[in-house]
């Protein structure tokens, strides 16, 4: 999300869902851009 890292399935557990993806997007947005 923040560093352009793809969120992927970690089967058989920890599958991404809409709620979790929305939480990640909000958290990444609150952190702001990464500095170089």
N, C-alpha and C. Protein backbone atom coordinates (compact mmCIF):
# COMPACT_ATOMS: atom_id res chain seq x y z
N UNK A 1 0.84 -1.19 0.00
CA UNK A 1 0.00 0.00 0.00
C UNK A 1 0.88 1.24 0.00
N UNK A 2 1.64 1.45 1.04
CA UNK A 2 2.40 2.68 1.16
C UNK A 2 3.62 2.69 0.25
N UNK A 3 4.34 1.61 0.20
CA UNK A 3 5.57 1.55 -0.60
C UNK A 3 5.33 0.88 -1.95
N UNK A 4 4.08 0.75 -2.33
CA UNK A 4 3.77 0.10 -3.59
C UNK A 4 3.86 -1.42 -3.50
N UNK A 5 3.90 -1.94 -2.27
CA UNK A 5 3.97 -3.38 -2.07
C UNK A 5 2.58 -3.97 -2.21
N UNK A 6 2.45 -5.00 -3.02
CA UNK A 6 1.17 -5.65 -3.26
C UNK A 6 0.74 -6.44 -2.04
N UNK A 7 -0.52 -6.34 -1.67
CA UNK A 7 -1.07 -7.15 -0.58
C UNK A 7 -1.57 -8.44 -1.20
N UNK A 8 -1.15 -9.57 -0.63
CA UNK A 8 -1.47 -10.86 -1.25
C UNK A 8 -2.04 -11.84 -0.25
N UNK A 9 -2.57 -12.91 -0.77
CA UNK A 9 -3.17 -13.98 0.01
C UNK A 9 -2.08 -14.75 0.76
N UNK A 10 -2.32 -15.00 2.04
CA UNK A 10 -1.38 -15.81 2.82
C UNK A 10 -2.09 -17.08 3.28
N UNK A 11 -2.63 -17.80 2.29
CA UNK A 11 -3.43 -19.00 2.55
C UNK A 11 -2.63 -20.00 3.38
N UNK A 12 -3.24 -20.77 4.23
CA UNK A 12 -4.68 -20.90 4.40
C UNK A 12 -5.28 -19.89 5.37
N UNK A 13 -4.48 -19.02 5.94
CA UNK A 13 -5.00 -18.03 6.88
C UNK A 13 -4.63 -16.63 6.41
N UNK A 14 -5.17 -15.65 7.07
CA UNK A 14 -4.84 -14.25 6.83
C UNK A 14 -5.14 -13.80 5.40
N UNK A 15 -6.26 -14.23 4.86
CA UNK A 15 -6.66 -13.78 3.52
C UNK A 15 -7.12 -12.34 3.60
N UNK A 16 -6.71 -11.49 2.66
CA UNK A 16 -7.18 -10.10 2.67
C UNK A 16 -8.68 -10.03 2.39
N UNK A 17 -9.35 -9.09 3.06
CA UNK A 17 -10.77 -8.87 2.78
C UNK A 17 -10.98 -7.36 2.62
N UNK A 18 -12.18 -6.97 2.24
CA UNK A 18 -12.45 -5.56 1.95
C UNK A 18 -12.19 -4.67 3.16
N UNK A 19 -12.57 -5.12 4.34
CA UNK A 19 -12.38 -4.33 5.56
C UNK A 19 -10.90 -4.13 5.83
N UNK A 20 -10.14 -5.20 5.78
CA UNK A 20 -8.71 -5.12 6.04
C UNK A 20 -7.98 -4.26 5.02
N UNK A 21 -8.35 -4.39 3.74
CA UNK A 21 -7.72 -3.57 2.70
C UNK A 21 -8.03 -2.10 2.90
N UNK A 22 -9.26 -1.78 3.31
CA UNK A 22 -9.64 -0.39 3.57
C UNK A 22 -8.84 0.15 4.76
N UNK A 23 -8.63 -0.67 5.78
CA UNK A 23 -7.85 -0.25 6.94
C UNK A 23 -6.41 0.05 6.53
N UNK A 24 -5.83 -0.80 5.70
CA UNK A 24 -4.46 -0.59 5.23
C UNK A 24 -4.36 0.70 4.43
N UNK A 25 -5.33 0.96 3.57
CA UNK A 25 -5.32 2.18 2.77
C UNK A 25 -5.39 3.42 3.66
N UNK A 26 -6.26 3.40 4.67
CA UNK A 26 -6.38 4.55 5.59
C UNK A 26 -5.09 4.75 6.37
N UNK A 27 -4.51 3.67 6.86
CA UNK A 27 -3.27 3.77 7.63
C UNK A 27 -2.13 4.30 6.77
N UNK A 28 -2.01 3.78 5.55
CA UNK A 28 -0.96 4.23 4.64
C UNK A 28 -1.14 5.70 4.30
N UNK A 29 -2.38 6.13 4.09
CA UNK A 29 -2.65 7.54 3.78
C UNK A 29 -2.28 8.43 4.96
N UNK A 30 -2.53 7.97 6.18
CA UNK A 30 -2.21 8.78 7.35
C UNK A 30 -0.70 8.89 7.58
N UNK A 31 0.07 7.92 7.12
CA UNK A 31 1.52 7.96 7.26
C UNK A 31 2.16 8.93 6.28
N UNK A 32 1.52 9.14 5.14
CA UNK A 32 2.09 10.03 4.13
C UNK A 32 3.10 9.30 3.26
N UNK A 33 3.75 10.08 2.39
CA UNK A 33 4.70 9.51 1.45
C UNK A 33 6.00 9.13 2.15
N UNK A 34 6.67 8.11 1.62
CA UNK A 34 7.99 7.72 2.12
C UNK A 34 9.03 8.72 1.61
N UNK A 35 9.94 9.10 2.46
CA UNK A 35 11.01 9.99 2.00
C UNK A 35 12.15 9.16 1.43
N UNK A 36 12.86 9.75 0.49
CA UNK A 36 13.94 9.02 -0.19
C UNK A 36 15.22 9.04 0.59
